[in-house]
């Protein structure tokens, strides 16, 4: 829900995620997406399965 709100509103260049948000907006525009809507994970089978799959694995990310 937060991402939908962030993508819907313009943000100034001082926002910590402004570059990422602008890239997302640009790509959505290129894809012809006119509306971004929130979908609960339970209503999105793909997201639900990814969550269930990921909870079975211990992944360690090193930055």
PDB file of N, CA and C in Angstrom:
ATOM      1  N   UNK A   1       0.824  -1.184   0.000  1.00  0.00           N
ATOM      2  CA  UNK A   1       0.000   0.000   0.000  1.00  0.00           C
ATOM      3  C   UNK A   1       0.872   1.252   0.000  1.00  0.00           C
ATOM      4  N   UNK A   2       1.994   1.191   0.688  1.00  0.00           N
ATOM      5  CA  UNK A   2       2.890   2.336   0.757  1.00  0.00           C
ATOM      6  C   UNK A   2       3.451   2.643  -0.628  1.00  0.00           C
ATOM      7  N   UNK A   3       3.829   1.594  -1.373  1.00  0.00           N
ATOM      8  CA  UNK A   3       4.386   1.822  -2.709  1.00  0.00           C
ATOM      9  C   UNK A   3       3.363   2.447  -3.644  1.00  0.00           C
ATOM     10  N   UNK A   4       2.128   2.030  -3.558  1.00  0.00           N
ATOM     11  CA  UNK A   4       1.085   2.615  -4.394  1.00  0.00           C
ATOM     12  C   UNK A   4       0.978   4.107  -4.112  1.00  0.00           C
ATOM     13  N   UNK A   5       1.006   4.478  -2.844  1.00  0.00           N
ATOM     14  CA  UNK A   5       0.928   5.882  -2.450  1.00  0.00           C
ATOM     15  C   UNK A   5       2.153   6.647  -2.941  1.00  0.00           C
ATOM     16  N   UNK A   6       3.331   6.072  -2.762  1.00  0.00           N
ATOM     17  CA  UNK A   6       4.552   6.743  -3.197  1.00  0.00           C
ATOM     18  C   UNK A   6       4.593   6.930  -4.709  1.00  0.00           C
ATOM     19  N   UNK A   7       4.110   5.945  -5.458  1.00  0.00           N
ATOM     20  CA  UNK A   7       4.114   6.060  -6.912  1.00  0.00           C
ATOM     21  C   UNK A   7       3.065   7.044  -7.414  1.00  0.00           C
ATOM     22  N   UNK A   8       1.982   7.200  -6.670  1.00  0.00           N
ATOM     23  CA  UNK A   8       0.900   8.079  -7.103  1.00  0.00           C
ATOM     24  C   UNK A   8       1.232   9.551  -6.929  1.00  0.00           C
ATOM     25  N   UNK A   9       2.035   9.852  -5.927  1.00  0.00           N
ATOM     26  CA  UNK A   9       2.347  11.251  -5.626  1.00  0.00           C
ATOM     27  C   UNK A   9       3.740  11.606  -6.129  1.00  0.00           C
ATOM     28  N   UNK A  10       3.880  12.793  -6.687  1.00  0.00           N
ATOM     29  CA  UNK A  10       5.242  13.217  -7.035  1.00  0.00           C
ATOM     30  C   UNK A  10       6.030  13.516  -5.758  1.00  0.00           C
ATOM     31  N   UNK A  11       7.307  13.214  -5.778  1.00  0.00           N
ATOM     32  CA  UNK A  11       8.153  13.513  -4.620  1.00  0.00           C
ATOM     33  C   UNK A  11       9.314  14.372  -5.090  1.00  0.00           C
ATOM     34  N   UNK A  12       9.849  15.147  -4.179  1.00  0.00           N
ATOM     35  CA  UNK A  12      10.970  15.997  -4.570  1.00  0.00           C
ATOM     36  C   UNK A  12      12.261  15.184  -4.596  1.00  0.00           C
ATOM     37  N   UNK A  13      13.284  15.760  -5.182  1.00  0.00           N
ATOM     38  CA  UNK A  13      14.541  15.044  -5.390  1.00  0.00           C
ATOM     39  C   UNK A  13      15.299  14.754  -4.102  1.00  0.00           C
ATOM     40  N   UNK A  14      14.862  15.315  -2.980  1.00  0.00           N
ATOM     41  CA  UNK A  14      15.547  15.061  -1.723  1.00  0.00           C
ATOM     42  C   UNK A  14      15.035  13.807  -1.016  1.00  0.00           C
ATOM     43  N   UNK A  15      13.938  13.236  -1.505  1.00  0.00           N
ATOM     44  CA  UNK A  15      13.406  12.005  -0.916  1.00  0.00           C
ATOM     45  C   UNK A  15      14.434  10.896  -1.098  1.00  0.00           C
ATOM     46  N   UNK A  16      14.606  10.058  -0.089  1.00  0.00           N
ATOM     47  CA  UNK A  16      15.658   9.036  -0.126  1.00  0.00           C
ATOM     48  C   UNK A  16      15.450   8.007  -1.241  1.00  0.00           C
ATOM     49  N   UNK A  17      14.217   7.834  -1.704  1.00  0.00           N
ATOM     50  CA  UNK A  17      13.941   6.867  -2.766  1.00  0.00           C
ATOM     51  C   UNK A  17      13.519   7.532  -4.069  1.00  0.00           C
ATOM     52  N   UNK A  18      13.812   8.809  -4.237  1.00  0.00           N
ATOM     53  CA  UNK A  18      13.323   9.536  -5.412  1.00  0.00           C
ATOM     54  C   UNK A  18      13.836   8.927  -6.717  1.00  0.00           C
ATOM     55  N   UNK A  19      15.096   8.522  -6.772  1.00  0.00           N
ATOM     56  CA  UNK A  19      15.637   7.942  -8.010  1.00  0.00           C
ATOM     57  C   UNK A  19      14.934   6.630  -8.347  1.00  0.00           C
ATOM     58  N   UNK A  20      14.744   5.793  -7.352  1.00  0.00           N
ATOM     59  CA  UNK A  20      14.073   4.513  -7.564  1.00  0.00           C
ATOM     60  C   UNK A  20      12.614   4.722  -7.977  1.00  0.00           C
ATOM     61  N   UNK A  21      11.923   5.634  -7.310  1.00  0.00           N
ATOM     62  CA  UNK A  21      10.529   5.918  -7.642  1.00  0.00           C
ATOM     63  C   UNK A  21      10.407   6.481  -9.051  1.00  0.00           C
ATOM     64  N   UNK A  22      11.316   7.371  -9.426  1.00  0.00           N
ATOM     65  CA  UNK A  22      11.282   7.930 -10.780  1.00  0.00           C
ATOM     66  C   UNK A  22      11.546   6.860 -11.830  1.00  0.00           C
ATOM     67  N   UNK A  23      12.465   5.933 -11.547  1.00  0.00           N
ATOM     68  CA  UNK A  23      12.715   4.826 -12.467  1.00  0.00           C
ATOM     69  C   UNK A  23      11.477   3.943 -12.608  1.00  0.00           C
ATOM     70  N   UNK A  24      10.814   3.650 -11.498  1.00  0.00           N
ATOM     71  CA  UNK A  24       9.587   2.840 -11.539  1.00  0.00           C
ATOM     72  C   UNK A  24       8.504   3.536 -12.349  1.00  0.00           C
ATOM     73  N   UNK A  25       8.328   4.830 -12.114  1.00  0.00           N
ATOM     74  CA  UNK A  25       7.327   5.587 -12.876  1.00  0.00           C
ATOM     75  C   UNK A  25       7.646   5.567 -14.370  1.00  0.00           C
ATOM     76  N   UNK A  26       8.920   5.730 -14.697  1.00  0.00           N
ATOM     77  CA  UNK A  26       9.345   5.728 -16.094  1.00  0.00           C
ATOM     78  C   UNK A  26       9.037   4.376 -16.743  1.00  0.00           C
ATOM     79  N   UNK A  27       9.399   3.283 -16.068  1.00  0.00           N
ATOM     80  CA  UNK A  27       9.151   1.951 -16.617  1.00  0.00           C
ATOM     81  C   UNK A  27       7.664   1.652 -16.741  1.00  0.00           C
ATOM     82  N   UNK A  28       6.885   2.062 -15.758  1.00  0.00           N
ATOM     83  CA  UNK A  28       5.434   1.869 -15.841  1.00  0.00           C
ATOM     84  C   UNK A  28       4.857   2.630 -17.028  1.00  0.00           C
ATOM     85  N   UNK A  29       5.359   3.830 -17.256  1.00  0.00           N
ATOM     86  CA  UNK A  29       4.896   4.633 -18.390  1.00  0.00           C
ATOM     87  C   UNK A  29       5.267   3.953 -19.708  1.00  0.00           C
ATOM     88  N   UNK A  30       6.482   3.428 -19.796  1.00  0.00           N
ATOM     89  CA  UNK A  30       6.923   2.735 -21.006  1.00  0.00           C
ATOM     90  C   UNK A  30       6.098   1.480 -21.273  1.00  0.00           C
ATOM     91  N   UNK A  31       5.650   0.814 -20.208  1.00  0.00           N
ATOM     92  CA  UNK A  31       4.825  -0.386 -20.343  1.00  0.00           C
ATOM     93  C   UNK A  31       3.365  -0.054 -20.637  1.00  0.00           C
ATOM     94  N   UNK A  32       3.018   1.212 -20.529  1.00  0.00           N
ATOM     95  CA  UNK A  32       1.640   1.628 -20.779  1.00  0.00           C
ATOM     96  C   UNK A  32       0.716   1.410 -19.598  1.00  0.00           C
ATOM     97  N   UNK A  33       1.280   1.267 -18.421  1.00  0.00           N
ATOM     98  CA  UNK A  33       0.476   1.071 -17.215  1.00  0.00           C
ATOM     99  C   UNK A  33      -0.054   2.427 -16.777  1.00  0.00           C
ATOM    100  N   UNK A  34      -1.372   2.537 -16.685  1.00  0.00           N
ATOM    101  CA  UNK A  34      -1.975   3.812 -16.307  1.00  0.00           C
ATOM    102  C   UNK A  34      -2.416   3.859 -14.862  1.00  0.00           C
ATOM    103  N   UNK A  35      -2.502   2.694 -14.213  1.00  0.00           N
ATOM    104  CA  UNK A  35      -2.966   2.659 -12.830  1.00  0.00           C
ATOM    105  C   UNK A  35      -2.226   1.574 -12.058  1.00  0.00           C
ATOM    106  N   UNK A  36      -1.806   1.905 -10.854  1.00  0.00           N
ATOM    107  CA  UNK A  36      -1.172   0.939  -9.964  1.00  0.00           C
ATOM    108  C   UNK A  36      -2.114   0.749  -8.786  1.00  0.00           C
ATOM    109  N   UNK A  37      -2.444  -0.516  -8.517  1.00  0.00           N
ATOM    110  CA  UNK A  37      -3.394  -0.812  -7.444  1.00  0.00           C
ATOM    111  C   UNK A  37      -2.769  -1.798  -6.468  1.00  0.00           C
ATOM    112  N   UNK A  38      -3.201  -1.711  -5.223  1.00  0.00           N
ATOM    113  CA  UNK A  38      -2.749  -2.642  -4.192  1.00  0.00           C
ATOM    114  C   UNK A  38      -3.529  -3.939  -4.309  1.00  0.00           C
ATOM    115  N   UNK A  39      -2.824  -5.050  -4.128  1.00  0.00           N
ATOM    116  CA  UNK A  39      -3.466  -6.356  -4.106  1.00  0.00           C
ATOM    117  C   UNK A  39      -2.947  -7.091  -2.880  1.00  0.00           C
ATOM    118  N   UNK A  40      -3.858  -7.556  -2.040  1.00  0.00           N
ATOM    119  CA  UNK A  40      -3.434  -8.314  -0.869  1.00  0.00           C
ATOM    120  C   UNK A  40      -2.779  -9.610  -1.315  1.00  0.00           C
ATOM    121  N   UNK A  41      -1.760 -10.028  -0.572  1.00  0.00           N
ATOM    122  CA  UNK A  41      -0.989 -11.208  -0.944  1.00  0.00           C
ATOM    123  C   UNK A  41      -1.892 -12.429  -1.131  1.00  0.00           C
ATOM    124  N   UNK A  42      -2.905 -12.572  -0.299  1.00  0.00           N
ATOM    125  CA  UNK A  42      -3.793 -13.723  -0.405  1.00  0.00           C
ATOM    126  C   UNK A  42      -4.569 -13.715  -1.726  1.00  0.00           C
ATOM    127  N   UNK A  43      -4.771 -12.544  -2.286  1.00  0.00           N
ATOM    128  CA  UNK A  43      -5.478 -12.427  -3.560  1.00  0.00           C
ATOM    129  C   UNK A  43      -4.547 -12.550  -4.748  1.00  0.00           C
ATOM    130  N   UNK A  44      -3.264 -12.624  -4.502  1.00  0.00           N
ATOM    131  CA  UNK A  44      -2.277 -12.747  -5.556  1.00  0.00           C
ATOM    132  C   UNK A  44      -1.554 -14.068  -5.348  1.00  0.00           C
ATOM    133  N   UNK A  45      -1.950 -15.086  -6.087  1.00  0.00           N
ATOM    134  CA  UNK A  45      -1.409 -16.434  -5.885  1.00  0.00           C
ATOM    135  C   UNK A  45       0.102 -16.484  -6.055  1.00  0.00           C
ATOM    136  N   UNK A  46       0.631 -15.755  -7.019  1.00  0.00           N
ATOM    137  CA  UNK A  46       2.074 -15.773  -7.259  1.00  0.00           C
ATOM    138  C   UNK A  46       2.825 -15.218  -6.046  1.00  0.00           C
ATOM    139  N   UNK A  47       2.403 -14.073  -5.538  1.00  0.00           N
ATOM    140  CA  UNK A  47       3.065 -13.475  -4.375  1.00  0.00           C
ATOM    141  C   UNK A  47       2.927 -14.375  -3.155  1.00  0.00           C
ATOM    142  N   UNK A  48       1.775 -14.995  -2.994  1.00  0.00           N
ATOM    143  CA  UNK A  48       1.551 -15.877  -1.852  1.00  0.00           C
ATOM    144  C   UNK A  48       2.470 -17.100  -1.912  1.00  0.00           C
ATOM    145  N   UNK A  49       2.613 -17.682  -3.084  1.00  0.00           N
ATOM    146  CA  UNK A  49       3.495 -18.843  -3.223  1.00  0.00           C
ATOM    147  C   UNK A  49       4.957 -18.462  -3.017  1.00  0.00           C
ATOM    148  N   UNK A  50       5.367 -17.295  -3.516  1.00  0.00           N
ATOM    149  CA  UNK A  50       6.737 -16.839  -3.295  1.00  0.00           C
ATOM    150  C   UNK A  50       7.018 -16.644  -1.812  1.00  0.00           C
ATOM    151  N   UNK A  51       6.050 -16.072  -1.098  1.00  0.00           N
ATOM    152  CA  UNK A  51       6.215 -15.885   0.350  1.00  0.00           C
ATOM    153  C   UNK A  51       6.352 -17.222   1.048  1.00  0.00           C
ATOM    154  N   UNK A  52       5.499 -18.165   0.693  1.00  0.00           N
ATOM    155  CA  UNK A  52       5.557 -19.487   1.319  1.00  0.00           C
ATOM    156  C   UNK A  52       6.864 -20.201   0.991  1.00  0.00           C
ATOM    157  N   UNK A  53       7.313 -20.096  -0.251  1.00  0.00           N
ATOM    158  CA  UNK A  53       8.562 -20.727  -0.662  1.00  0.00           C
ATOM    159  C   UNK A  53       9.751 -20.105   0.057  1.00  0.00           C
ATOM    160  N   UNK A  54       9.763 -18.785   0.142  1.00  0.00           N
ATOM    161  CA  UNK A  54      10.907 -18.110   0.749  1.00  0.00           C
ATOM    162  C   UNK A  54      11.008 -18.382   2.244  1.00  0.00           C
ATOM    163  N   UNK A  55       9.873 -18.645   2.888  1.00  0.00           N
ATOM    164  CA  UNK A  55       9.920 -18.907   4.326  1.00  0.00           C
ATOM    165  C   UNK A  55      10.547 -20.268   4.630  1.00  0.00           C
ATOM    166  N   UNK A  56      10.682 -21.123   3.629  1.00  0.00           N
ATOM    167  CA  UNK A  56      11.293 -22.433   3.823  1.00  0.00           C
ATOM    168  C   UNK A  56      12.811 -22.391   3.706  1.00  0.00           C
ATOM    169  N   UNK A  57      13.342 -21.311   3.188  1.00  0.00           N
ATOM    170  CA  UNK A  57      14.772 -21.206   2.939  1.00  0.00           C
ATOM    171  C   UNK A  57      15.383 -20.128   3.816  1.00  0.00           C
ATOM    172  N   UNK A  58      16.553 -20.420   4.324  1.00  0.00           N
ATOM    173  CA  UNK A  58      17.310 -19.426   5.080  1.00  0.00           C
ATOM    174  C   UNK A  58      18.283 -18.781   4.102  1.00  0.00           C
ATOM    175  N   UNK A  59      17.976 -17.578   3.671  1.00  0.00           N
ATOM    176  CA  UNK A  59      18.845 -16.892   2.731  1.00  0.00           C
ATOM    177  C   UNK A  59      19.633 -15.815   3.462  1.00  0.00           C
ATOM    178  N   UNK A  60      20.896 -15.743   3.161  1.00  0.00           N
ATOM    179  CA  UNK A  60      21.755 -14.732   3.765  1.00  0.00           C
ATOM    180  C   UNK A  60      22.245 -13.829   2.639  1.00  0.00           C
ATOM    181  N   UNK A  61      21.967 -12.561   2.761  1.00  0.00           N
ATOM    182  CA  UNK A  61      22.425 -11.602   1.768  1.00  0.00           C
ATOM    183  C   UNK A  61      23.573 -10.795   2.355  1.00  0.00           C
ATOM    184  N   UNK A  62      24.640 -10.716   1.605  1.00  0.00           N
ATOM    185  CA  UNK A  62      25.791  -9.929   2.028  1.00  0.00           C
ATOM    186  C   UNK A  62      25.939  -8.758   1.070  1.00  0.00           C
ATOM    187  N   UNK A  63      25.963  -7.568   1.628  1.00  0.00           N
ATOM    188  CA  UNK A  63      26.095  -6.374   0.799  1.00  0.00           C
ATOM    189  C   UNK A  63      27.510  -5.877   0.860  1.00  0.00           C
TER     190      UNK A  63
END
